[in-house]
C-alpha atoms as a PDB file:
ATOM      1  CA  MET A   1       0.081  -0.019  -0.009  1.00  0.00           C
ATOM      2  CA  LYS A   2       2.807   2.402   0.468  1.00  0.00           C
ATOM      3  CA  ALA A   3       3.135   5.191  -1.989  1.00  0.00           C
ATOM      4  CA  VAL A   4       5.601   4.727  -4.844  1.00  0.00           C
ATOM      5  CA  ALA A   5       6.699   7.261  -7.459  1.00  0.00           C
ATOM      6  CA  LEU A   6       9.895   6.408  -9.173  1.00  0.00           C
ATOM      7  CA  LEU A   7      10.565   9.981 -10.055  1.00  0.00           C
ATOM      8  CA  LEU A   8      10.838  10.636  -6.348  1.00  0.00           C
ATOM      9  CA  CYS A   9      12.697   7.711  -5.321  1.00  0.00           C
ATOM     10  CA  PHE A  10      16.232   8.336  -4.073  1.00  0.00           C
ATOM     11  CA  THR A  11      19.250   6.057  -3.963  1.00  0.00           C
ATOM     12  CA  PHE A  12      22.020   5.570  -1.485  1.00  0.00           C
ATOM     13  CA  ALA A  13      25.679   4.791  -2.218  1.00  0.00           C
ATOM     14  CA  SER A  14      25.355   1.432  -0.584  1.00  0.00           C
ATOM     15  CA  THR A  15      23.705  -1.944  -1.436  1.00  0.00           C
ATOM     16  CA  LEU A  16      20.146  -0.785  -0.724  1.00  0.00           C
ATOM     17  CA  GLU A  17      18.653   0.119  -4.220  1.00  0.00           C
ATOM     18  CA  LEU A  18      15.626   2.158  -3.333  1.00  0.00           C
ATOM     19  CA  GLN A  19      13.872   3.877  -0.306  1.00  0.00           C
ATOM     20  CA  ILE A  20      10.387   4.551  -1.619  1.00  0.00           C
ATOM     21  CA  PRO A  21       7.800   6.909  -0.369  1.00  0.00           C
ATOM     22  CA  LYS A  22       4.513   5.187  -0.432  1.00  0.00           C
ATOM     23  CA  PHE A  23       2.302   7.348  -2.580  1.00  0.00           C
ATOM     24  CA  ALA A  24       1.112   6.895  -6.192  1.00  0.00           C
ATOM     25  CA  TRP A  25       1.084   9.804  -8.784  1.00  0.00           C
ATOM     26  CA  PRO A  26      -1.332   9.386 -11.634  1.00  0.00           C
ATOM     27  CA  TRP A  27       1.609   8.665 -14.071  1.00  0.00           C
ATOM     28  CA  ASN A  28       2.822   5.779 -11.905  1.00  0.00           C
ATOM     29  CA  SER A  29      -0.264   4.910  -9.914  1.00  0.00           C
ATOM     30  CA  GLY A  30      -0.909   1.788  -7.891  1.00  0.00           C
ATOM     31  CA  SER A  31      -2.766   1.169  -4.777  1.00  0.00           C
ATOM     32  CA  LYS A  32      -3.404  -1.816  -2.801  1.00  0.00           C
ATOM     33  CA  ILE A  33      -2.225  -3.582   0.511  1.00  0.00           C
ATOM     34  CA  VAL A  34       0.217  -6.358  -0.093  1.00  0.00           C
ATOM     35  CA  GLY A  35      -1.297  -9.670   1.318  1.00  0.00           C
ATOM     36  CA  GLY A  36      -4.437  -7.892   2.638  1.00  0.00           C
ATOM     37  CA  GLN A  37      -8.250  -8.392   2.327  1.00  0.00           C
ATOM     38  CA  ASP A  38     -11.290  -6.279   1.344  1.00  0.00           C
ATOM     39  CA  VAL A  39     -12.748  -4.213   4.003  1.00  0.00           C
ATOM     40  CA  ASN A  40     -15.745  -1.814   4.064  1.00  0.00           C
ATOM     41  CA  ILE A  41     -15.416   1.868   4.796  1.00  0.00           C
ATOM     42  CA  ASN A  42     -17.810   1.615   7.776  1.00  0.00           C
ATOM     43  CA  GLN A  43     -15.136  -0.523   9.510  1.00  0.00           C
ATOM     44  CA  ILE A  44     -12.468   2.190   8.934  1.00  0.00           C
ATOM     45  CA  PRO A  45     -14.639   5.427   8.661  1.00  0.00           C
ATOM     46  CA  TYR A  46     -11.688   7.611   9.389  1.00  0.00           C
ATOM     47  CA  GLN A  47      -9.910   6.496   6.268  1.00  0.00           C
ATOM     48  CA  VAL A  48      -9.935   8.772   3.215  1.00  0.00           C
ATOM     49  CA  SER A  49      -8.531   8.882  -0.284  1.00  0.00           C
ATOM     50  CA  VAL A  50      -6.342  11.858  -1.092  1.00  0.00           C
ATOM     51  CA  LEU A  51      -6.638  12.760  -4.837  1.00  0.00           C
ATOM     52  CA  HIS A  52      -4.427  14.681  -7.129  1.00  0.00           C
ATOM     53  CA  TYR A  53      -6.531  16.041 -10.009  1.00  0.00           C
ATOM     54  CA  ASN A  54      -9.312  13.694  -8.974  1.00  0.00           C
ATOM     55  CA  ARG A  55      -7.094  10.645  -9.128  1.00  0.00           C
ATOM     56  CA  HIS A  56      -6.090   8.588  -6.056  1.00  0.00           C
ATOM     57  CA  THR A  57      -2.662   9.384  -4.782  1.00  0.00           C
ATOM     58  CA  CYS A  58      -2.435   8.724  -1.052  1.00  0.00           C
ATOM     59  CA  GLY A  59      -4.416   7.779   1.949  1.00  0.00           C
ATOM     60  CA  GLY A  60      -5.334  10.004   4.928  1.00  0.00           C
ATOM     61  CA  VAL A  61      -7.007  10.156   8.381  1.00  0.00           C
ATOM     62  CA  ILE A  62      -9.976  12.342   9.391  1.00  0.00           C
ATOM     63  CA  LEU A  63      -8.971  14.311  12.361  1.00  0.00           C
ATOM     64  CA  ASN A  64     -12.143  16.503  12.623  1.00  0.00           C
ATOM     65  CA  ASN A  65     -14.737  17.951  10.325  1.00  0.00           C
ATOM     66  CA  ARG A  66     -12.228  20.306   8.571  1.00  0.00           C
ATOM     67  CA  HIS A  67      -8.920  18.594   8.888  1.00  0.00           C
ATOM     68  CA  ILE A  68      -7.205  15.550   7.240  1.00  0.00           C
ATOM     69  CA  LEU A  69      -3.765  14.106   8.519  1.00  0.00           C
ATOM     70  CA  THR A  70      -1.639  12.579   5.743  1.00  0.00           C
ATOM     71  CA  ALA A  71       2.126  12.244   4.587  1.00  0.00           C
ATOM     72  CA  ALA A  72       4.088  15.333   3.656  1.00  0.00           C
ATOM     73  CA  HIS A  73       5.681  13.550   0.729  1.00  0.00           C
ATOM     74  CA  CYS A  74       2.384  13.261  -1.022  1.00  0.00           C
ATOM     75  CA  PHE A  75       2.737  16.897  -1.987  1.00  0.00           C
ATOM     76  CA  ASP A  76       6.463  16.976  -3.152  1.00  0.00           C
ATOM     77  CA  GLN A  77       5.148  17.740  -6.727  1.00  0.00           C
ATOM     78  CA  VAL A  78       2.095  19.853  -5.777  1.00  0.00           C
ATOM     79  CA  SER A  79       2.215  23.514  -6.213  1.00  0.00           C
ATOM     80  CA  ASN A  80      -1.392  24.604  -5.324  1.00  0.00           C
ATOM     81  CA  PRO A  81      -3.964  23.152  -2.870  1.00  0.00           C
ATOM     82  CA  ARG A  82      -6.533  23.349  -5.539  1.00  0.00           C
ATOM     83  CA  GLU A  83      -4.766  20.332  -7.257  1.00  0.00           C
ATOM     84  CA  ILE A  84      -5.847  18.188  -4.289  1.00  0.00           C
ATOM     85  CA  GLN A  85      -9.227  16.722  -3.326  1.00  0.00           C
ATOM     86  CA  VAL A  86     -10.290  14.305  -0.531  1.00  0.00           C
ATOM     87  CA  ARG A  87     -12.829  11.477  -1.032  1.00  0.00           C
ATOM     88  CA  VAL A  88     -14.543  10.448   2.143  1.00  0.00           C
ATOM     89  CA  GLY A  89     -17.206   7.809   3.100  1.00  0.00           C
ATOM     90  CA  SER A  90     -16.380   5.322   0.191  1.00  0.00           C
ATOM     91  CA  SER A  91     -14.900   1.858   0.162  1.00  0.00           C
ATOM     92  CA  SER A  92     -13.814   2.580  -3.519  1.00  0.00           C
ATOM     93  CA  ALA A  93     -10.885   4.838  -4.587  1.00  0.00           C
ATOM     94  CA  TYR A  94     -12.794   5.628  -7.853  1.00  0.00           C
ATOM     95  CA  HIS A  95     -16.333   6.406  -6.993  1.00  0.00           C
ATOM     96  CA  GLY A  96     -19.000   6.943  -4.301  1.00  0.00           C
ATOM     97  CA  GLY A  97     -18.790   8.990  -0.936  1.00  0.00           C
ATOM     98  CA  ILE A  98     -18.204  12.657  -1.250  1.00  0.00           C
ATOM     99  CA  ILE A  99     -15.324  14.594  -2.787  1.00  0.00           C
ATOM    100  CA  PHE A 100     -14.194  17.671  -0.797  1.00  0.00           C
ATOM    101  CA  ASP A 101     -11.879  20.451  -2.169  1.00  0.00           C
ATOM    102  CA  VAL A 102      -8.681  21.377  -0.205  1.00  0.00           C
ATOM    103  CA  LYS A 103      -8.248  24.890   0.943  1.00  0.00           C
ATOM    104  CA  ASP A 104      -4.827  24.661   2.452  1.00  0.00           C
ATOM    105  CA  ILE A 105      -1.965  22.227   2.825  1.00  0.00           C
ATOM    106  CA  TYR A 106       0.206  22.532   5.969  1.00  0.00           C
ATOM    107  CA  ILE A 107       3.466  20.567   5.778  1.00  0.00           C
ATOM    108  CA  HIS A 108       5.636  20.125   8.863  1.00  0.00           C
ATOM    109  CA  ASP A 109       8.276  22.869   8.906  1.00  0.00           C
ATOM    110  CA  GLN A 110      11.019  20.242   9.527  1.00  0.00           C
ATOM    111  CA  TYR A 111       9.934  17.860   6.819  1.00  0.00           C
ATOM    112  CA  ASN A 112      12.941  16.596   4.785  1.00  0.00           C
ATOM    113  CA  ASP A 113      12.047  15.328   1.322  1.00  0.00           C
ATOM    114  CA  LYS A 114      15.313  13.396   1.022  1.00  0.00           C
ATOM    115  CA  THR A 115      15.195  11.452   4.297  1.00  0.00           C
ATOM    116  CA  LEU A 116      11.366  11.692   4.740  1.00  0.00           C
ATOM    117  CA  ASP A 117      11.813  12.631   8.358  1.00  0.00           C
ATOM    118  CA  PHE A 118       8.831  14.622   9.886  1.00  0.00           C
ATOM    119  CA  ASP A 119       6.780  13.167   7.122  1.00  0.00           C
ATOM    120  CA  VAL A 120       3.393  14.621   8.213  1.00  0.00           C
ATOM    121  CA  ALA A 121       1.022  17.163   6.668  1.00  0.00           C
ATOM    122  CA  ILE A 122      -2.507  18.497   7.519  1.00  0.00           C
ATOM    123  CA  LEU A 123      -5.153  19.239   4.858  1.00  0.00           C
ATOM    124  CA  THR A 124      -7.739  21.947   5.664  1.00  0.00           C
ATOM    125  CA  LEU A 125     -11.033  21.196   3.705  1.00  0.00           C
ATOM    126  CA  ALA A 126     -12.828  23.997   1.980  1.00  0.00           C
ATOM    127  CA  TYR A 127     -15.988  23.120   3.786  1.00  0.00           C
ATOM    128  CA  GLY A 128     -16.864  20.801   6.744  1.00  0.00           C
ATOM    129  CA  LEU A 129     -17.553  17.112   6.756  1.00  0.00           C
ATOM    130  CA  ARG A 130     -20.872  15.645   7.937  1.00  0.00           C
ATOM    131  CA  PHE A 131     -20.326  12.634  10.151  1.00  0.00           C
ATOM    132  CA  ASP A 132     -22.178   9.340   9.565  1.00  0.00           C
ATOM    133  CA  THR A 133     -21.550   5.693   9.848  1.00  0.00           C
ATOM    134  CA  ASN A 134     -19.065   5.870   6.918  1.00  0.00           C
ATOM    135  CA  VAL A 135     -17.310   9.176   7.989  1.00  0.00           C
ATOM    136  CA  GLN A 136     -15.921   9.485  11.462  1.00  0.00           C
ATOM    137  CA  PRO A 137     -12.887  11.212  13.115  1.00  0.00           C
ATOM    138  CA  ALA A 138     -10.052   9.019  14.238  1.00  0.00           C
ATOM    139  CA  VAL A 139      -9.084   8.347  17.769  1.00  0.00           C
ATOM    140  CA  LEU A 140      -5.404   9.237  18.014  1.00  0.00           C
ATOM    141  CA  ALA A 141      -2.717   7.646  20.240  1.00  0.00           C
ATOM    142  CA  ALA A 142      -1.743   9.510  23.368  1.00  0.00           C
ATOM    143  CA  ASP A 143       1.149  12.040  23.452  1.00  0.00           C
ATOM    144  CA  GLY A 144       4.386   9.977  23.541  1.00  0.00           C
ATOM    145  CA  TYR A 145       2.721   6.642  22.947  1.00  0.00           C
ATOM    146  CA  GLN A 146       4.798   3.941  21.103  1.00  0.00           C
ATOM    147  CA  PRO A 147       3.165   0.495  20.517  1.00  0.00           C
ATOM    148  CA  LYS A 148       5.183  -2.328  22.024  1.00  0.00           C
ATOM    149  CA  ALA A 149       7.239  -4.744  19.975  1.00  0.00           C
ATOM    150  CA  ASN A 150       5.024  -7.546  18.552  1.00  0.00           C
ATOM    151  CA  ALA A 151       1.830  -5.581  19.168  1.00  0.00           C
ATOM    152  CA  GLU A 152      -0.750  -6.546  16.391  1.00  0.00           C
ATOM    153  CA  VAL A 153      -1.642  -3.567  14.207  1.00  0.00           C
ATOM    154  CA  ILE A 154      -3.719  -2.996  11.082  1.00  0.00           C
ATOM    155  CA  VAL A 155      -2.823  -0.809   8.064  1.00  0.00           C
ATOM    156  CA  SER A 156      -5.354   0.098   5.431  1.00  0.00           C
ATOM    157  CA  GLY A 157      -5.647   1.835   2.099  1.00  0.00           C
ATOM    158  CA  TRP A 158      -5.866   1.515  -1.675  1.00  0.00           C
ATOM    159  CA  GLY A 159      -2.142   0.915  -2.157  1.00  0.00           C
ATOM    160  CA  LYS A 160      -0.648  -1.548  -4.677  1.00  0.00           C
ATOM    161  CA  LEU A 161      -1.135  -5.277  -4.336  1.00  0.00           C
ATOM    162  CA  SER A 162       2.443  -5.682  -5.127  1.00  0.00           C
ATOM    163  CA  TYR A 163       5.470  -3.468  -5.926  1.00  0.00           C
ATOM    164  CA  GLN A 164       4.507  -3.178  -9.562  1.00  0.00           C
ATOM    165  CA  GLY A 165       0.909  -4.394  -9.205  1.00  0.00           C
ATOM    166  CA  PRO A 166      -2.374  -2.980 -10.253  1.00  0.00           C
ATOM    167  CA  LEU A 167      -4.807  -0.658  -8.385  1.00  0.00           C
ATOM    168  CA  PRO A 168      -7.662  -2.301  -6.352  1.00  0.00           C
ATOM    169  CA  GLU A 169     -11.308  -1.322  -6.520  1.00  0.00           C
ATOM    170  CA  GLN A 170     -11.918  -1.990  -2.946  1.00  0.00           C
ATOM    171  CA  LEU A 171     -10.342  -0.703   0.419  1.00  0.00           C
ATOM    172  CA  GLN A 172      -7.881  -3.047   1.791  1.00  0.00           C
ATOM    173  CA  LYS A 173      -6.544  -3.912   5.253  1.00  0.00           C
ATOM    174  CA  VAL A 174      -3.837  -6.177   6.467  1.00  0.00           C
ATOM    175  CA  ASN A 175      -2.625  -7.258   9.987  1.00  0.00           C
ATOM    176  CA  LEU A 176       1.001  -6.554  10.848  1.00  0.00           C
ATOM    177  CA  TYR A 177       3.136  -6.686  13.947  1.00  0.00           C
ATOM    178  CA  ILE A 178       5.242  -3.945  15.473  1.00  0.00           C
ATOM    179  CA  VAL A 179       9.033  -4.425  15.009  1.00  0.00           C
ATOM    180  CA  ASP A 180      11.254  -3.365  17.882  1.00  0.00           C
ATOM    181  CA  HIS A 181      12.578   0.049  17.014  1.00  0.00           C
ATOM    182  CA  ASP A 182      16.316  -1.156  17.569  1.00  0.00           C
ATOM    183  CA  ASP A 183      15.858  -4.049  15.365  1.00  0.00           C
ATOM    184  CA  CYS A 184      14.269  -1.782  12.644  1.00  0.00           C
ATOM    185  CA  TYR A 185      17.211   0.600  13.034  1.00  0.00           C
ATOM    186  CA  VAL A 186      19.654  -2.179  12.378  1.00  0.00           C
ATOM    187  CA  ALA A 187      17.739  -3.249   9.199  1.00  0.00           C
ATOM    188  CA  TYR A 188      18.153   0.213   7.764  1.00  0.00           C
ATOM    189  CA  MET A 189      21.352   1.474   9.425  1.00  0.00           C
ATOM    190  CA  GLU A 190      23.619   0.935   6.442  1.00  0.00           C
ATOM    191  CA  ASN A 191      21.479   3.139   4.129  1.00  0.00           C
ATOM    192  CA  HIS A 192      19.171   5.360   6.121  1.00  0.00           C
ATOM    193  CA  GLU A 193      19.012   6.391   9.779  1.00  0.00           C
ATOM    194  CA  LEU A 194      15.661   5.649  11.425  1.00  0.00           C
ATOM    195  CA  SER A 195      14.382   8.442  13.804  1.00  0.00           C
ATOM    196  CA  GLU A 196      12.460   8.436  16.967  1.00  0.00           C
ATOM    197  CA  ARG A 197       9.542   9.698  14.905  1.00  0.00           C
ATOM    198  CA  ASN A 198       9.253   6.350  13.239  1.00  0.00           C
ATOM    199  CA  ILE A 199       7.401   3.154  13.852  1.00  0.00           C
ATOM    200  CA  CYS A 200       8.073  -0.099  12.043  1.00  0.00           C
ATOM    201  CA  ALA A 201       5.792  -2.966  11.145  1.00  0.00           C
ATOM    202  CA  THR A 202       5.769  -6.162   9.178  1.00  0.00           C
ATOM    203  CA  VAL A 203       5.127  -9.935   9.490  1.00  0.00           C
ATOM    204  CA  ALA A 204       7.595 -12.727  10.187  1.00  0.00           C
ATOM    205  CA  ASP A 205       8.099 -13.660   6.476  1.00  0.00           C
ATOM    206  CA  GLY A 206       7.777 -10.093   5.167  1.00  0.00           C
ATOM    207  CA  SER A 207       4.886 -11.102   2.952  1.00  0.00           C
ATOM    208  CA  LYS A 208       2.495  -8.412   4.011  1.00  0.00           C
ATOM    209  CA  ASP A 209       2.995  -4.621   3.884  1.00  0.00           C
ATOM    210  CA  ALA A 210       1.638  -1.288   2.767  1.00  0.00           C
ATOM    211  CA  CYS A 211       2.601  -0.313  -0.886  1.00  0.00           C
ATOM    212  CA  SER A 212       2.329   2.423  -3.417  1.00  0.00           C
ATOM    213  CA  GLY A 213      -0.764   4.545  -2.951  1.00  0.00           C
ATOM    214  CA  ASP A 214      -1.019   4.049   0.814  1.00  0.00           C
ATOM    215  CA  SER A 215       1.080   6.820   2.149  1.00  0.00           C
ATOM    216  CA  GLY A 216      -0.678   8.882   4.816  1.00  0.00           C
ATOM    217  CA  GLY A 217      -3.050   6.154   5.570  1.00  0.00           C
ATOM    218  CA  PRO A 218      -3.674   4.827   9.136  1.00  0.00           C
ATOM    219  CA  LEU A 219      -1.783   2.203  11.146  1.00  0.00           C
ATOM    220  CA  THR A 220      -4.071   1.249  14.050  1.00  0.00           C
ATOM    221  CA  GLU A 221      -3.798  -0.706  17.261  1.00  0.00           C
ATOM    222  CA  ASP A 222      -7.023  -1.746  18.824  1.00  0.00           C
ATOM    223  CA  GLY A 223      -8.915   0.973  16.806  1.00  0.00           C
ATOM    224  CA  VAL A 224      -6.543   3.711  17.810  1.00  0.00           C
ATOM    225  CA  VAL A 225      -4.478   5.407  15.113  1.00  0.00           C
ATOM    226  CA  VAL A 226      -0.691   4.984  16.149  1.00  0.00           C
ATOM    227  CA  GLY A 227       0.922   5.952  12.888  1.00  0.00           C
ATOM    228  CA  ILE A 228       0.546   6.856   9.218  1.00  0.00           C
ATOM    229  CA  VAL A 229       2.196   5.159   6.269  1.00  0.00           C
ATOM    230  CA  SER A 230       5.511   6.829   5.286  1.00  0.00           C
ATOM    231  CA  TRP A 231       8.166   4.802   3.474  1.00  0.00           C
ATOM    232  CA  GLY A 232       9.976   1.556   2.912  1.00  0.00           C
ATOM    233  CA  VAL A 233      11.982  -0.528   0.430  1.00  0.00           C
ATOM    234  CA  ARG A 234       9.723  -1.454  -2.455  1.00  0.00           C
ATOM    235  CA  CYS A 235       6.837  -3.452  -0.839  1.00  0.00           C
ATOM    236  CA  ALA A 236       6.810  -6.461   1.398  1.00  0.00           C
ATOM    237  CA  GLU A 237      10.617  -6.969   1.258  1.00  0.00           C
ATOM    238  CA  PRO A 238      11.458  -9.543   3.837  1.00  0.00           C
ATOM    239  CA  ASP A 239      14.433  -7.790   5.306  1.00  0.00           C
ATOM    240  CA  TYR A 240      12.890  -4.197   5.522  1.00  0.00           C
ATOM    241  CA  PRO A 241       9.911  -3.490   7.600  1.00  0.00           C
ATOM    242  CA  GLY A 242       7.489  -0.790   6.471  1.00  0.00           C
ATOM    243  CA  VAL A 243       8.151   2.606   8.184  1.00  0.00           C
ATOM    244  CA  TYR A 244       5.416   4.811   9.600  1.00  0.00           C
ATOM    245  CA  SER A 245       5.336   8.235  11.210  1.00  0.00           C
ATOM    246  CA  SER A 246       4.468   8.049  14.883  1.00  0.00           C
ATOM    247  CA  ILE A 247       1.276   9.668  16.099  1.00  0.00           C
ATOM    248  CA  GLY A 248       2.515   9.604  19.590  1.00  0.00           C
ATOM    249  CA  TYR A 249       5.418  11.817  18.655  1.00  0.00           C
ATOM    250  CA  PHE A 250       3.376  14.210  16.484  1.00  0.00           C
ATOM    251  CA  ARG A 251       0.124  14.360  18.572  1.00  0.00           C
ATOM    252  CA  LYS A 252       0.950  17.696  20.056  1.00  0.00           C
ATOM    253  CA  TRP A 253       1.810  19.242  16.686  1.00  0.00           C
ATOM    254  CA  ILE A 254      -1.421  17.841  15.197  1.00  0.00           C
ATOM    255  CA  LEU A 255      -3.549  19.308  17.875  1.00  0.00           C
ATOM    256  CA  GLU A 256      -1.831  22.697  17.588  1.00  0.00           C
ATOM    257  CA  HIS A 257      -2.487  22.836  13.890  1.00  0.00           C
ATOM    258  CA  THR A 258      -6.043  21.750  13.992  1.00  0.00           C
ATOM    259  CA  LYS A 259      -7.537  24.235  16.544  1.00  0.00           C
END
């Protein structure tokens, strides 16, 4: 499900080929969870599709009736908020629900488009959402909260089924497990330094993951959003867990910018 755009991939001078942000631009689109299953939006009513010129690009999380949390890197090639829309209340990335225009994009002022550190952004909608069974604000993790190693989590979105796979019609979810931060740090240490702002998740054989088109979508533990999809090495690479931005780290920032 993670977002992938080869134009934005960057390489390192070591053996790791690619570190890939998990979004999908229209010219390289793709969106589905790797190893996941269909799910209805009423089970994840805080999940949204972020559109670029009306085509699915990233996932997002409803914060309140005017604000959406997503990944900063989704807007690396966006010059005007009017290019972006948000679809809410639909299990499909292509139709249904309601599409809202975006009034403003606020990207974390410490966001680094090379390392993807501080990879969070908030969208302000042009007008307010109306909540119902398919549209609800998310419950966010407490300030400073970090899920424990081996905790079961769920990631959802319309990301690719595989690294170069097709777009799905239906919203997907997959169960993963939190990777100890030190172990994840070691997995990436030769090529990229993991920060305290990151959470990692995978399964034992690495066969399940987010992929291209999932960036900004929710990682939840017991229904609480603990992270949003950020980056990884391709999709479902056994030696490289998926990397997420930690809600526990960014909660204060989120609240400060959604007043």
